[in-house]
Amino acid sequence: MKKIILGFLLFFSAFVFAQHTISGTFMPAKDYSWIIAYRLKPGTQVYVADTAIKNGEFSLNIPENSPKGMYRLVYAVPQEEFYFDVVYNGEEDIKLQFTTENGVSFLESKENIIFNSYFNEVSAIEAKIIEFYSSGSTSKKIYNTLVKKLHNAQSSYETKSAGLMANAFIKANKLQLSETYVDVFTFVAEKKKNYFNGLDYTNTTLQASGFLTDKTLNYVFTALPLEQMTKEATEKIMQNNVDKVNLETKNIDSNYRLHLFYTIWAQAAASQFNATSDYVFTTYLKKLAQDLGKKDIVQEIQLHNRLRIGAIAPEISWKEGNNVQTLNTLKGSKNYILVFWSSTCSHCLKELPVLHKELKKNPDITVIAVGMEEDTISWDVEKAKFPNFKHAIALGKWESDYAKLYAVNQTPTYFILDSNKRFIAKPEDDKQVIEYLNK
């Protein structure tokens, strides 16, 4: 009896503390040196482990008792660009190979082989359907064959993945297309109408991955009419799409809703769909962030909006003699350059003389140099070397109002404005300033 009990305890212990690995190869080997694993959680990620890639090979130990879920493997910087995700079910080792040209493929791991095979196969069929419509074909036979092939693949993989984590993703990705041929406009309209039918935003497995965010972004930014539209009209449709996302997600956890709408905002902002990013922020995101006490998100977005391309530069003032001058009352120049510098910054003392010499030939450009200083002693000496610049000062340096208003965290920092004082460029150095103005 004691042997049976001991055997049971040993088995239980081995089960609880089983450790698995993610291993494989990266090619070309010389391009890769390190890999980091994160576990994805709804709206965030947590560090798990990291290891070196040596001669193109790596073996990453997943810590004991690491929960099953989606794990993100980062292999270069920036991290948000150079990564791929794997399914970890806590029961199997994962072996893969990655090439710069073809991305990731899996050699061992039933979960990941089925997961990747499904999405690769379905994506290829979808591409054929897009090609069918793009070619102008109206062949009912070809259409019906492609749709049947898609449905068969969906059914097959749902069966293959039964009992696996991958099954939730496969079911959620199911496309509901017309069984018989429809014209391209009807096809697009029906696809949009049925888009959310299989998506379960309450599923925590789907939340703890990039799947739902990718699906949501795809809907907001690509579920658009086929006809040519103005940017304004296009953004209006995007905003309607955002409203649809709101309806589909209104009953889910507020923290995950915040993540979704922040992701939509970030994509719109990065693509300079400013009307849409503003709509997302003012209609949904700001209140969500405030209700959840996420003041940093509100501040981040307000800062972005204040400094984004096209925004009017915040006011700057300085003294000329007994008079106070302000940026927004300056007139007559084609461009205005703001340079935040410091009299104790070696890079600044190297770049500003070059800029001063180059721009004094150009009467259509006005430079406002803002000194980031702790006092005026050295500033008074150095600014006198640049008589063609207008000089403002930000006492308190990094803690000054101007540092916070313009998010200045290094010197020199440059902004180029148009004649209406709107941001048009943010060069990295004096050379980029000159190059931009000479275009």
Foldseek 3Di string as FASTA:
>chain_A
DVVVVVVVVVVVVCLQFPKAKEKEFEPPQVVFWKKWKWFFFQLDTHGFWMDTQDNGIDITIGGGNDAWAKMKMATDPPRVVGIDIDGGHSPHYWYWYAYPVPGIATDDDLQRNLLVVLVVVLVVLVVVVVVCQVVVHQDFVVVLVSVVVNVVSLVVSCVSQVPHLSNLVSQLQDFDADNTTDHPQVRLVVRLVCLRVRDDPQDRNCSRDCRVLVSLLCNLQPSDGPDDDDLVVSLVSSLVSVVVVCVNCVPHDLVSVLSSLLSNLVVCVVVVVVVNNVSSCVVPNVVSCVVVVNVVSVLVVVLCQQAPFFHAHDKDWDDDPPDIDIDQVDADAFKEKEWEAELPDPQCLVFVVVLLVVCVVPPRYAYEYEYQDQDCDSVVVVVVSRVRHHYHYFHVRCPGPVCSNNVDDDPTWMFMAGRNRGTHDTDPGNVVVVVVVVD
